[in-house]
C-alpha cells in the first residue's frame, strides 16, 4: 500500500497545514452560526474575512512547501486540489455574509437553524476526514465519513426544495422571495463546497489504497 506519509516526507508539515485549513473552514461556519442566531449588534464582515485570510495564507504556504519538496506523480495535484477545495468553504461563507448583511431586514423572521446545523455537521465531517489522512490505511473510517457527508448534502438538497416550494407559494413579498432565494442558494453552496472537499479526500484515499 502506498503511504501518504512517504508522499509528504518524514515530517507532518502538509498534514498540519491541511488540518489548519479545515479548521479555518469550520471557524468560518461557526462565525456564520453566531451571526444568524444573534439579535444583538448588527453583523459585520470581519468575523468572516479573517478565516478566509488565514485560509489563503495557509494555501500559499502549502504551495511554497510543494515547490521545496520532492514529490512524484499526481500527488502534488491532489494536495493542491484539496487545498483549493478547503479554501472555497470560507470564501462561500463570506459571500453569504455579504448578502445576509445587505438583506438582513428581509430575513429577520427566518429560521436558519436547519441549514446552519447541516453546515456545522458538514465542516466537522470535512475536518475529521482531513485528520484521517494521517491514518489513510483505515479505509472504512474515511468511507464512512464520506458517506455521512454525502448524506448531509442530500438532506440539504431536500430542504432546499421544501424552502423553494414555500417561497413560490405566493404568500411572501416579491423582494423578500428574491432575497431569501439568494440566501438559501448561498447556504446550499457552502454545503456543496464541503462535499467537494470530501470528494477530493475520497479520491486521494482510493488512489493510494
N, C-alpha and C. Protein backbone atom coordinates (compact mmCIF):
# COMPACT_ATOMS: atom_id res chain seq x y z
N UNK A 1 0.85 -1.20 0.00
CA UNK A 1 0.00 0.00 0.00
C UNK A 1 0.88 1.25 0.00
N UNK A 2 0.57 2.20 -0.88
CA UNK A 2 1.34 3.44 -0.92
C UNK A 2 1.00 4.28 0.30
N UNK A 3 2.00 4.88 0.87
CA UNK A 3 1.79 5.65 2.09
C UNK A 3 1.88 7.14 1.82
N UNK A 4 0.86 7.89 2.27
CA UNK A 4 0.93 9.35 2.17
C UNK A 4 2.02 9.91 3.06
N UNK A 5 2.40 9.15 4.09
CA UNK A 5 3.49 9.60 4.94
C UNK A 5 4.77 9.71 4.12
N UNK A 6 4.99 8.74 3.22
CA UNK A 6 6.15 8.81 2.34
C UNK A 6 6.00 9.94 1.34
N UNK A 7 4.75 10.13 0.87
CA UNK A 7 4.50 11.20 -0.08
C UNK A 7 4.84 12.56 0.49
N UNK A 8 4.47 12.78 1.73
CA UNK A 8 4.70 14.07 2.35
C UNK A 8 6.08 14.17 3.01
N UNK A 9 6.84 13.07 3.03
CA UNK A 9 8.16 13.12 3.66
C UNK A 9 8.06 12.70 5.11
N UNK A 10 9.18 12.84 5.82
CA UNK A 10 9.25 12.37 7.20
C UNK A 10 8.49 13.27 8.16
N UNK A 11 8.32 14.52 7.81
CA UNK A 11 7.62 15.43 8.71
C UNK A 11 6.14 15.49 8.35
N UNK A 12 5.37 16.04 9.26
CA UNK A 12 3.92 16.10 9.08
C UNK A 12 3.46 17.48 8.61
N UNK A 13 4.34 18.21 7.94
CA UNK A 13 4.02 19.60 7.61
C UNK A 13 2.76 19.72 6.79
N UNK A 14 2.61 18.90 5.77
CA UNK A 14 1.43 19.01 4.91
C UNK A 14 0.16 18.60 5.66
N UNK A 15 0.27 17.56 6.49
CA UNK A 15 -0.88 17.18 7.30
C UNK A 15 -1.31 18.34 8.19
N UNK A 16 -0.33 18.96 8.85
CA UNK A 16 -0.62 20.08 9.75
C UNK A 16 -1.29 21.23 9.01
N UNK A 17 -0.78 21.57 7.83
CA UNK A 17 -1.33 22.68 7.07
C UNK A 17 -2.74 22.38 6.57
N UNK A 18 -2.96 21.18 6.09
CA UNK A 18 -4.30 20.82 5.61
C UNK A 18 -5.32 20.79 6.75
N UNK A 19 -4.89 20.31 7.91
CA UNK A 19 -5.78 20.31 9.07
C UNK A 19 -6.08 21.73 9.52
N UNK A 20 -5.07 22.61 9.49
CA UNK A 20 -5.29 24.01 9.85
C UNK A 20 -6.26 24.66 8.87
N UNK A 21 -6.16 24.29 7.61
CA UNK A 21 -7.07 24.82 6.61
C UNK A 21 -8.51 24.37 6.88
N UNK A 22 -8.68 23.10 7.22
CA UNK A 22 -10.01 22.59 7.54
C UNK A 22 -10.57 23.24 8.81
N UNK A 23 -9.69 23.55 9.75
CA UNK A 23 -10.11 24.23 10.98
C UNK A 23 -10.64 25.63 10.65
N UNK A 24 -9.97 26.34 9.75
CA UNK A 24 -10.43 27.67 9.38
C UNK A 24 -11.75 27.61 8.64
N UNK A 25 -11.93 26.58 7.84
CA UNK A 25 -13.22 26.40 7.16
C UNK A 25 -14.33 26.23 8.19
N UNK A 26 -14.06 25.44 9.22
CA UNK A 26 -15.05 25.26 10.27
C UNK A 26 -15.28 26.55 11.05
N UNK A 27 -14.22 27.30 11.30
CA UNK A 27 -14.34 28.57 12.02
C UNK A 27 -15.24 29.56 11.28
N UNK A 28 -15.13 29.56 9.95
CA UNK A 28 -15.95 30.48 9.17
C UNK A 28 -17.44 30.15 9.31
N UNK A 29 -17.75 28.86 9.35
CA UNK A 29 -19.14 28.44 9.52
C UNK A 29 -19.63 28.75 10.94
N UNK A 30 -18.77 28.57 11.92
CA UNK A 30 -19.14 28.92 13.29
C UNK A 30 -19.44 30.41 13.43
N UNK A 31 -18.68 31.24 12.71
CA UNK A 31 -18.95 32.67 12.71
C UNK A 31 -20.31 32.96 12.09
N UNK A 32 -20.62 32.24 11.03
CA UNK A 32 -21.92 32.40 10.38
C UNK A 32 -23.05 32.02 11.33
N UNK A 33 -22.86 30.93 12.06
CA UNK A 33 -23.88 30.49 13.01
C UNK A 33 -24.15 31.57 14.05
N UNK A 34 -23.08 32.17 14.56
CA UNK A 34 -23.25 33.22 15.58
C UNK A 34 -24.03 34.41 15.02
N UNK A 35 -23.78 34.75 13.77
CA UNK A 35 -24.43 35.91 13.16
C UNK A 35 -25.91 35.66 12.94
N UNK A 36 -26.27 34.53 12.35
CA UNK A 36 -27.67 34.30 12.02
C UNK A 36 -28.51 34.02 13.26
N UNK A 37 -27.87 33.63 14.36
CA UNK A 37 -28.61 33.36 15.58
C UNK A 37 -28.67 34.56 16.52
N UNK A 38 -27.92 35.60 16.21
CA UNK A 38 -27.83 36.75 17.11
C UNK A 38 -28.82 37.84 16.72
N UNK A 39 -29.49 38.38 17.73
CA UNK A 39 -30.38 39.52 17.53
C UNK A 39 -29.78 40.78 18.14
N UNK A 40 -28.52 40.69 18.51
CA UNK A 40 -27.86 41.82 19.19
C UNK A 40 -27.35 42.82 18.16
N UNK A 41 -26.06 43.13 18.24
CA UNK A 41 -25.47 44.14 17.37
C UNK A 41 -25.53 43.70 15.91
N UNK A 42 -25.64 44.66 14.98
CA UNK A 42 -25.64 44.31 13.56
C UNK A 42 -24.37 43.56 13.18
N UNK A 43 -24.48 42.53 12.36
CA UNK A 43 -23.30 41.75 12.00
C UNK A 43 -22.34 42.53 11.11
N UNK A 44 -21.07 42.18 11.17
CA UNK A 44 -20.07 42.77 10.30
C UNK A 44 -19.35 41.64 9.56
N UNK A 45 -18.60 42.01 8.53
CA UNK A 45 -17.89 41.02 7.74
C UNK A 45 -16.59 40.56 8.38
N UNK A 46 -16.14 41.23 9.42
CA UNK A 46 -14.82 40.96 9.96
C UNK A 46 -14.65 39.51 10.40
N UNK A 47 -15.66 38.96 11.05
CA UNK A 47 -15.57 37.58 11.52
C UNK A 47 -15.41 36.59 10.37
N UNK A 48 -15.89 36.98 9.19
CA UNK A 48 -15.82 36.09 8.05
C UNK A 48 -14.56 36.32 7.22
N UNK A 49 -14.10 37.56 7.23
CA UNK A 49 -12.91 37.89 6.44
C UNK A 49 -11.67 37.22 7.03
N UNK A 50 -11.56 37.19 8.35
CA UNK A 50 -10.36 36.66 8.98
C UNK A 50 -10.12 35.18 8.67
N UNK A 51 -11.13 34.30 8.79
CA UNK A 51 -10.88 32.90 8.44
C UNK A 51 -10.45 32.74 6.98
N UNK A 52 -11.05 33.53 6.08
CA UNK A 52 -10.67 33.41 4.67
C UNK A 52 -9.23 33.86 4.46
N UNK A 53 -8.83 34.95 5.14
CA UNK A 53 -7.45 35.41 5.01
C UNK A 53 -6.47 34.38 5.55
N UNK A 54 -6.81 33.79 6.69
CA UNK A 54 -5.95 32.75 7.25
C UNK A 54 -5.87 31.56 6.30
N UNK A 55 -7.03 31.20 5.75
CA UNK A 55 -7.09 30.08 4.81
C UNK A 55 -6.21 30.37 3.59
N UNK A 56 -6.25 31.60 3.12
CA UNK A 56 -5.44 31.97 1.96
C UNK A 56 -3.96 31.88 2.28
N UNK A 57 -3.56 32.32 3.49
CA UNK A 57 -2.15 32.24 3.88
C UNK A 57 -1.71 30.77 3.97
N UNK A 58 -2.59 29.93 4.48
CA UNK A 58 -2.26 28.51 4.58
C UNK A 58 -2.08 27.91 3.18
N UNK A 59 -2.98 28.28 2.27
CA UNK A 59 -2.89 27.78 0.90
C UNK A 59 -1.58 28.22 0.25
N UNK A 60 -1.19 29.45 0.52
CA UNK A 60 0.08 29.95 -0.02
C UNK A 60 1.26 29.18 0.56
N UNK A 61 1.19 28.87 1.85
CA UNK A 61 2.28 28.12 2.47
C UNK A 61 2.35 26.70 1.91
N UNK A 62 1.19 26.11 1.65
CA UNK A 62 1.17 24.78 1.05
C UNK A 62 1.85 24.82 -0.31
N UNK A 63 1.54 25.83 -1.09
CA UNK A 63 2.17 25.96 -2.42
C UNK A 63 3.68 26.13 -2.30
N UNK A 64 4.12 26.91 -1.32
CA UNK A 64 5.55 27.11 -1.12
C UNK A 64 6.23 25.80 -0.71
N UNK A 65 5.57 25.05 0.16
CA UNK A 65 6.12 23.78 0.59
C UNK A 65 6.20 22.78 -0.57
N UNK A 66 5.22 22.83 -1.45
CA UNK A 66 5.23 21.94 -2.61
C UNK A 66 6.41 22.24 -3.54
N UNK A 67 6.72 23.53 -3.67
CA UNK A 67 7.84 23.93 -4.52
C UNK A 67 9.15 23.39 -3.97
N UNK A 68 9.25 23.34 -2.63
CA UNK A 68 10.50 22.96 -1.99
C UNK A 68 10.56 21.49 -1.57
N UNK A 69 9.57 20.69 -2.02
CA UNK A 69 9.51 19.29 -1.62
C UNK A 69 9.52 18.41 -2.86
N UNK A 70 10.28 17.33 -2.81
CA UNK A 70 10.33 16.40 -3.94
C UNK A 70 9.15 15.45 -3.84
N UNK A 71 8.18 15.61 -4.77
CA UNK A 71 7.00 14.76 -4.80
C UNK A 71 6.82 14.26 -6.23
N UNK A 72 6.55 13.00 -6.40
CA UNK A 72 6.41 12.43 -7.73
C UNK A 72 4.96 12.13 -8.06
N UNK A 73 4.68 11.98 -9.36
CA UNK A 73 3.34 11.58 -9.79
C UNK A 73 2.30 12.67 -9.61
N UNK A 74 1.06 12.22 -9.40
CA UNK A 74 -0.08 13.12 -9.29
C UNK A 74 -0.32 13.63 -7.88
N UNK A 75 0.47 13.19 -6.94
CA UNK A 75 0.22 13.55 -5.55
C UNK A 75 0.26 15.06 -5.32
N UNK A 76 1.14 15.75 -6.03
CA UNK A 76 1.19 17.21 -5.91
C UNK A 76 -0.16 17.82 -6.28
N UNK A 77 -0.77 17.31 -7.33
CA UNK A 77 -2.07 17.81 -7.76
C UNK A 77 -3.15 17.51 -6.72
N UNK A 78 -3.04 16.37 -6.06
CA UNK A 78 -4.01 16.02 -5.02
C UNK A 78 -3.97 17.02 -3.87
N UNK A 79 -2.77 17.35 -3.44
CA UNK A 79 -2.62 18.30 -2.34
C UNK A 79 -3.16 19.67 -2.74
N UNK A 80 -2.82 20.10 -3.94
CA UNK A 80 -3.29 21.39 -4.43
C UNK A 80 -4.81 21.40 -4.54
N UNK A 81 -5.37 20.28 -5.02
CA UNK A 81 -6.83 20.19 -5.19
C UNK A 81 -7.54 20.28 -3.84
N UNK A 82 -7.00 19.60 -2.83
CA UNK A 82 -7.63 19.64 -1.51
C UNK A 82 -7.49 21.01 -0.88
N UNK A 83 -6.33 21.62 -1.03
CA UNK A 83 -6.12 22.97 -0.50
C UNK A 83 -7.11 23.95 -1.13
N UNK A 84 -7.29 23.85 -2.44
CA UNK A 84 -8.23 24.73 -3.13
C UNK A 84 -9.66 24.48 -2.69
N UNK A 85 -10.02 23.21 -2.54
CA UNK A 85 -11.39 22.86 -2.12
C UNK A 85 -11.68 23.40 -0.72
N UNK A 86 -10.72 23.30 0.18
CA UNK A 86 -10.91 23.80 1.54
C UNK A 86 -11.03 25.33 1.56
N UNK A 87 -10.24 25.99 0.73
CA UNK A 87 -10.28 27.46 0.67
C UNK A 87 -11.64 27.96 0.22
N UNK A 88 -12.32 27.20 -0.63
CA UNK A 88 -13.60 27.65 -1.16
C UNK A 88 -14.71 27.65 -0.12
N UNK A 89 -14.52 26.94 1.00
CA UNK A 89 -15.57 26.91 2.03
C UNK A 89 -15.70 28.27 2.73
N UNK A 90 -14.63 28.82 3.32
CA UNK A 90 -14.78 30.16 3.92
C UNK A 90 -15.08 31.24 2.90
N UNK A 91 -14.62 31.04 1.67
CA UNK A 91 -14.93 32.01 0.62
C UNK A 91 -16.43 32.06 0.37
N UNK A 92 -17.06 30.88 0.31
CA UNK A 92 -18.52 30.82 0.12
C UNK A 92 -19.25 31.36 1.34
N UNK A 93 -18.70 31.12 2.52
CA UNK A 93 -19.31 31.61 3.75
C UNK A 93 -19.28 33.14 3.80
N UNK A 94 -18.16 33.71 3.39
CA UNK A 94 -18.07 35.17 3.36
C UNK A 94 -19.06 35.76 2.36
N UNK A 95 -19.24 35.10 1.25
CA UNK A 95 -20.21 35.59 0.25
C UNK A 95 -21.62 35.59 0.84
N UNK A 96 -21.98 34.54 1.59
CA UNK A 96 -23.29 34.53 2.24
C UNK A 96 -23.39 35.70 3.21
N UNK A 97 -22.33 35.94 4.00
CA UNK A 97 -22.35 37.01 4.99
C UNK A 97 -22.60 38.37 4.33
N UNK A 98 -21.96 38.59 3.19
CA UNK A 98 -22.15 39.85 2.47
C UNK A 98 -23.62 40.05 2.12
N UNK A 99 -24.22 39.02 1.57
CA UNK A 99 -25.61 39.13 1.14
C UNK A 99 -26.57 39.17 2.34
N UNK A 100 -26.23 38.44 3.39
CA UNK A 100 -27.09 38.43 4.58
C UNK A 100 -27.13 39.82 5.22
N UNK A 101 -25.98 40.47 5.30
CA UNK A 101 -25.92 41.80 5.90
C UNK A 101 -26.72 42.80 5.07
N UNK A 102 -26.62 42.69 3.74
CA UNK A 102 -27.37 43.61 2.88
C UNK A 102 -28.88 43.39 2.96
N UNK A 103 -29.29 42.14 3.09
CA UNK A 103 -30.73 41.85 3.07
C UNK A 103 -31.30 41.44 4.40
N UNK A 104 -30.60 41.80 5.47
CA UNK A 104 -30.98 41.32 6.80
C UNK A 104 -32.41 41.70 7.19
N UNK A 105 -32.87 42.87 6.75
CA UNK A 105 -34.21 43.30 7.13
C UNK A 105 -35.30 42.39 6.57
N UNK A 106 -34.96 41.67 5.50
CA UNK A 106 -35.95 40.76 4.91
C UNK A 106 -35.85 39.35 5.48
N UNK A 107 -34.86 39.12 6.34
CA UNK A 107 -34.65 37.77 6.88
C UNK A 107 -34.77 37.73 8.40
N UNK A 108 -35.28 38.78 8.99
CA UNK A 108 -35.35 38.85 10.45
C UNK A 108 -36.19 37.73 11.05
N UNK A 109 -37.26 37.35 10.38
CA UNK A 109 -38.16 36.33 10.92
C UNK A 109 -37.90 34.94 10.34
N UNK A 110 -36.77 34.77 9.70
CA UNK A 110 -36.46 33.49 9.05
C UNK A 110 -35.61 32.62 9.98
N UNK A 111 -35.98 31.37 10.09
CA UNK A 111 -35.25 30.43 10.93
C UNK A 111 -34.27 29.63 10.07
N UNK A 112 -32.97 29.87 10.27
CA UNK A 112 -31.94 29.17 9.51
C UNK A 112 -31.35 27.99 10.29
N UNK A 113 -32.04 27.57 11.34
CA UNK A 113 -31.49 26.56 12.25
C UNK A 113 -31.09 25.27 11.52
N UNK A 114 -31.97 24.78 10.66
CA UNK A 114 -31.68 23.51 9.99
C UNK A 114 -30.48 23.62 9.05
N UNK A 115 -30.42 24.75 8.33
CA UNK A 115 -29.29 24.92 7.41
C UNK A 115 -27.95 25.02 8.14
N UNK A 116 -27.93 25.84 9.21
CA UNK A 116 -26.65 26.03 9.90
C UNK A 116 -26.24 24.75 10.63
N UNK A 117 -27.22 23.97 11.09
CA UNK A 117 -26.89 22.70 11.71
C UNK A 117 -26.22 21.77 10.70
N UNK A 118 -26.74 21.75 9.49
CA UNK A 118 -26.15 20.92 8.44
C UNK A 118 -24.75 21.40 8.08
N UNK A 119 -24.56 22.71 8.06
CA UNK A 119 -23.24 23.25 7.75
C UNK A 119 -22.23 22.89 8.83
N UNK A 120 -22.65 22.96 10.07
CA UNK A 120 -21.76 22.58 11.17
C UNK A 120 -21.37 21.10 11.05
N UNK A 121 -22.36 20.27 10.79
CA UNK A 121 -22.08 18.84 10.62
C UNK A 121 -21.14 18.60 9.45
N UNK A 122 -21.36 19.34 8.36
CA UNK A 122 -20.55 19.15 7.16
C UNK A 122 -19.10 19.54 7.40
N UNK A 123 -18.87 20.70 8.03
CA UNK A 123 -17.48 21.13 8.26
C UNK A 123 -16.81 20.27 9.31
N UNK A 124 -17.55 19.79 10.30
CA UNK A 124 -16.98 18.86 11.28
C UNK A 124 -16.54 17.58 10.59
N UNK A 125 -17.34 17.12 9.64
CA UNK A 125 -17.02 15.89 8.93
C UNK A 125 -15.81 16.07 8.02
N UNK A 126 -15.74 17.22 7.35
CA UNK A 126 -14.58 17.51 6.50
C UNK A 126 -13.30 17.53 7.34
N UNK A 127 -13.36 18.17 8.49
CA UNK A 127 -12.18 18.22 9.36
C UNK A 127 -11.78 16.81 9.79
N UNK A 128 -12.75 15.99 10.14
CA UNK A 128 -12.45 14.61 10.54
C UNK A 128 -11.81 13.83 9.40
N UNK A 129 -12.27 14.07 8.19
CA UNK A 129 -11.72 13.38 7.02
C UNK A 129 -10.28 13.81 6.76
N UNK A 130 -10.02 15.11 6.89
CA UNK A 130 -8.66 15.60 6.68
C UNK A 130 -7.72 15.00 7.73
N UNK A 131 -8.16 14.96 8.98
CA UNK A 131 -7.34 14.37 10.04
C UNK A 131 -7.09 12.89 9.78
N UNK A 132 -8.07 12.25 9.18
CA UNK A 132 -7.96 10.81 8.93
C UNK A 132 -6.89 10.49 7.88
N UNK A 133 -6.46 11.48 7.11
CA UNK A 133 -5.40 11.25 6.12
C UNK A 133 -4.12 10.75 6.77
N UNK A 134 -3.92 11.09 8.03
CA UNK A 134 -2.74 10.58 8.75
C UNK A 134 -2.83 9.07 8.94
N UNK A 135 -4.05 8.55 8.90
CA UNK A 135 -4.28 7.11 9.09
C UNK A 135 -5.04 6.57 7.88
N UNK A 136 -4.43 6.81 6.73
CA UNK A 136 -5.12 6.51 5.46
C UNK A 136 -5.42 5.02 5.30
N UNK A 137 -4.69 4.18 6.05
CA UNK A 137 -4.94 2.74 5.95
C UNK A 137 -6.32 2.36 6.47
N UNK A 138 -6.91 3.20 7.33
CA UNK A 138 -8.23 2.91 7.87
C UNK A 138 -9.29 3.33 6.85
N UNK A 139 -9.39 2.56 5.79
CA UNK A 139 -10.24 2.92 4.65
C UNK A 139 -11.71 3.02 5.02
N UNK A 140 -12.18 2.12 5.85
CA UNK A 140 -13.60 2.10 6.21
C UNK A 140 -14.00 3.37 6.97
N UNK A 141 -13.08 3.88 7.79
CA UNK A 141 -13.37 5.09 8.54
C UNK A 141 -13.58 6.28 7.60
N UNK A 142 -12.68 6.41 6.64
CA UNK A 142 -12.81 7.51 5.68
C UNK A 142 -14.05 7.32 4.80
N UNK A 143 -14.32 6.08 4.42
CA UNK A 143 -15.51 5.79 3.63
C UNK A 143 -16.77 6.17 4.40
N UNK A 144 -16.83 5.84 5.67
CA UNK A 144 -18.00 6.17 6.49
C UNK A 144 -18.18 7.68 6.61
N UNK A 145 -17.08 8.40 6.80
CA UNK A 145 -17.15 9.85 6.90
C UNK A 145 -17.64 10.47 5.60
N UNK A 146 -17.16 9.95 4.49
CA UNK A 146 -17.58 10.49 3.20
C UNK A 146 -19.06 10.20 2.94
N UNK A 147 -19.52 9.02 3.34
CA UNK A 147 -20.94 8.71 3.20
C UNK A 147 -21.80 9.63 4.05
N UNK A 148 -21.29 9.96 5.25
CA UNK A 148 -22.01 10.90 6.11
C UNK A 148 -22.12 12.26 5.43
N UNK A 149 -21.03 12.69 4.82
CA UNK A 149 -21.01 13.98 4.15
C UNK A 149 -21.97 14.00 2.96
N UNK A 150 -22.00 12.92 2.21
CA UNK A 150 -22.91 12.82 1.08
C UNK A 150 -24.36 12.83 1.56
N UNK A 151 -24.62 12.20 2.70
CA UNK A 151 -25.97 12.19 3.26
C UNK A 151 -26.40 13.60 3.65
N UNK A 152 -25.51 14.33 4.31
CA UNK A 152 -25.81 15.71 4.71
C UNK A 152 -26.14 16.56 3.49
N UNK A 153 -25.33 16.40 2.43
CA UNK A 153 -25.56 17.17 1.20
C UNK A 153 -26.91 16.81 0.59
N UNK A 154 -27.26 15.53 0.62
CA UNK A 154 -28.55 15.11 0.09
C UNK A 154 -29.72 15.68 0.88
N UNK A 155 -29.58 15.70 2.22
CA UNK A 155 -30.63 16.29 3.06
C UNK A 155 -30.75 17.79 2.82
N UNK A 156 -29.63 18.44 2.55
CA UNK A 156 -29.66 19.88 2.25
C UNK A 156 -30.40 20.14 0.95
N UNK A 157 -30.23 19.26 -0.03
CA UNK A 157 -30.96 19.40 -1.29
C UNK A 157 -32.46 19.27 -1.07
N UNK A 158 -32.86 18.30 -0.24
CA UNK A 158 -34.28 18.11 0.05
C UNK A 158 -34.86 19.34 0.76
N UNK A 159 -34.10 19.86 1.71
CA UNK A 159 -34.55 21.04 2.43
C UNK A 159 -34.71 22.22 1.48
N UNK A 160 -33.77 22.35 0.56
CA UNK A 160 -33.84 23.45 -0.41
C UNK A 160 -35.13 23.39 -1.22
N UNK A 161 -35.53 22.20 -1.63
CA UNK A 161 -36.77 22.05 -2.39
C UNK A 161 -37.98 22.47 -1.55
N UNK A 162 -37.99 22.10 -0.27
CA UNK A 162 -39.08 22.50 0.61
C UNK A 162 -39.14 24.02 0.78
N UNK A 163 -37.97 24.62 0.93
CA UNK A 163 -37.91 26.07 1.11
C UNK A 163 -38.37 26.81 -0.15
N UNK A 164 -37.96 26.30 -1.29
CA UNK A 164 -38.37 26.92 -2.55
C UNK A 164 -39.88 26.79 -2.76
N UNK A 165 -40.42 25.65 -2.38
CA UNK A 165 -41.87 25.46 -2.50
C UNK A 165 -42.62 26.49 -1.68
N UNK A 166 -42.11 26.79 -0.48
CA UNK A 166 -42.73 27.81 0.35
C UNK A 166 -42.58 29.19 -0.26
N UNK A 167 -41.38 29.49 -0.80
CA UNK A 167 -41.15 30.80 -1.39
C UNK A 167 -42.05 31.05 -2.60
N UNK A 168 -42.31 29.99 -3.36
CA UNK A 168 -43.10 30.13 -4.58
C UNK A 168 -44.60 29.99 -4.32
N UNK A 169 -44.99 29.94 -3.06
CA UNK A 169 -46.41 29.75 -2.73
C UNK A 169 -47.25 30.99 -2.98
N UNK A 170 -46.61 32.14 -3.12
CA UNK A 170 -47.35 33.39 -3.32
C UNK A 170 -47.71 34.10 -2.04
N UNK A 171 -47.26 33.56 -0.92
CA UNK A 171 -47.61 34.15 0.37
C UNK A 171 -46.63 35.24 0.80
N UNK A 172 -45.52 35.39 0.08
CA UNK A 172 -44.46 36.30 0.51
C UNK A 172 -44.30 37.48 -0.45
N UNK A 173 -43.81 38.57 0.12
CA UNK A 173 -43.48 39.75 -0.66
C UNK A 173 -42.42 39.39 -1.71
N UNK A 174 -42.55 39.98 -2.90
CA UNK A 174 -41.66 39.63 -4.01
C UNK A 174 -40.19 39.87 -3.67
N UNK A 175 -39.88 41.01 -3.08
CA UNK A 175 -38.49 41.33 -2.75
C UNK A 175 -37.95 40.34 -1.72
N UNK A 176 -38.79 39.97 -0.76
CA UNK A 176 -38.36 39.00 0.24
C UNK A 176 -38.06 37.66 -0.40
N UNK A 177 -38.86 37.26 -1.37
CA UNK A 177 -38.63 36.00 -2.07
C UNK A 177 -37.28 36.02 -2.76
N UNK A 178 -36.95 37.14 -3.41
CA UNK A 178 -35.68 37.26 -4.12
C UNK A 178 -34.51 37.17 -3.15
N UNK A 179 -34.61 37.88 -2.03
CA UNK A 179 -33.53 37.90 -1.04
C UNK A 179 -33.33 36.51 -0.43
N UNK A 180 -34.44 35.89 -0.01
CA UNK A 180 -34.33 34.59 0.65
C UNK A 180 -33.86 33.49 -0.31
N UNK A 181 -34.30 33.54 -1.54
CA UNK A 181 -33.85 32.55 -2.52
C UNK A 181 -32.32 32.65 -2.68
N UNK A 182 -31.84 33.87 -2.74
CA UNK A 182 -30.40 34.09 -2.86
C UNK A 182 -29.66 33.54 -1.64
N UNK A 183 -30.18 33.82 -0.44
CA UNK A 183 -29.52 33.35 0.78
C UNK A 183 -29.57 31.83 0.89
N UNK A 184 -30.71 31.24 0.56
CA UNK A 184 -30.83 29.79 0.62
C UNK A 184 -29.83 29.13 -0.34
N UNK A 185 -29.69 29.68 -1.52
CA UNK A 185 -28.77 29.11 -2.50
C UNK A 185 -27.32 29.24 -2.04
N UNK A 186 -27.00 30.34 -1.38
CA UNK A 186 -25.64 30.53 -0.88
C UNK A 186 -25.34 29.56 0.27
N UNK A 187 -26.33 29.32 1.11
CA UNK A 187 -26.13 28.35 2.19
C UNK A 187 -25.94 26.94 1.62
N UNK A 188 -26.71 26.62 0.60
CA UNK A 188 -26.55 25.31 -0.04
C UNK A 188 -25.17 25.19 -0.68
N UNK A 189 -24.66 26.29 -1.21
CA UNK A 189 -23.35 26.27 -1.85
C UNK A 189 -22.25 25.94 -0.85
N UNK A 190 -22.39 26.42 0.38
CA UNK A 190 -21.38 26.13 1.41
C UNK A 190 -21.32 24.63 1.66
N UNK A 191 -22.47 23.99 1.77
CA UNK A 191 -22.50 22.53 1.96
C UNK A 191 -21.95 21.82 0.73
N UNK A 192 -22.24 22.35 -0.45
CA UNK A 192 -21.69 21.76 -1.67
C UNK A 192 -20.16 21.84 -1.67
N UNK A 193 -19.63 22.94 -1.16
CA UNK A 193 -18.17 23.09 -1.10
C UNK A 193 -17.57 22.07 -0.12
N UNK A 194 -18.28 21.79 0.95
CA UNK A 194 -17.82 20.75 1.87
C UNK A 194 -17.84 19.39 1.19
N UNK A 195 -18.90 19.12 0.45
CA UNK A 195 -18.99 17.86 -0.30
C UNK A 195 -17.83 17.74 -1.28
N UNK A 196 -17.51 18.84 -1.96
CA UNK A 196 -16.41 18.83 -2.93
C UNK A 196 -15.09 18.48 -2.25
N UNK A 197 -14.85 19.05 -1.07
CA UNK A 197 -13.62 18.74 -0.34
C UNK A 197 -13.60 17.26 0.05
N UNK A 198 -14.74 16.75 0.47
CA UNK A 198 -14.82 15.33 0.81
C UNK A 198 -14.55 14.44 -0.38
N UNK A 199 -15.03 14.85 -1.55
CA UNK A 199 -14.79 14.07 -2.77
C UNK A 199 -13.30 14.01 -3.11
N UNK A 200 -12.60 15.13 -2.90
CA UNK A 200 -11.16 15.16 -3.17
C UNK A 200 -10.44 14.19 -2.23
N UNK A 201 -10.81 14.23 -0.95
CA UNK A 201 -10.18 13.33 0.02
C UNK A 201 -10.46 11.88 -0.34
N UNK A 202 -11.70 11.60 -0.69
CA UNK A 202 -12.05 10.23 -1.06
C UNK A 202 -11.27 9.77 -2.28
N UNK A 203 -11.06 10.67 -3.22
CA UNK A 203 -10.27 10.36 -4.41
C UNK A 203 -8.83 10.02 -4.05
N UNK A 204 -8.25 10.81 -3.15
CA UNK A 204 -6.88 10.56 -2.71
C UNK A 204 -6.77 9.19 -2.06
N UNK A 205 -7.73 8.90 -1.19
CA UNK A 205 -7.69 7.64 -0.46
C UNK A 205 -7.82 6.45 -1.39
N UNK A 206 -8.77 6.51 -2.31
CA UNK A 206 -8.97 5.40 -3.25
C UNK A 206 -7.76 5.19 -4.14
N UNK A 207 -7.13 6.27 -4.54
CA UNK A 207 -5.99 6.16 -5.44
C UNK A 207 -4.77 5.56 -4.77
N UNK A 208 -4.64 5.79 -3.45
CA UNK A 208 -3.46 5.32 -2.75
C UNK A 208 -3.74 4.13 -1.83
N UNK A 209 -4.90 3.47 -2.04
CA UNK A 209 -5.23 2.31 -1.22
C UNK A 209 -4.66 1.04 -1.85
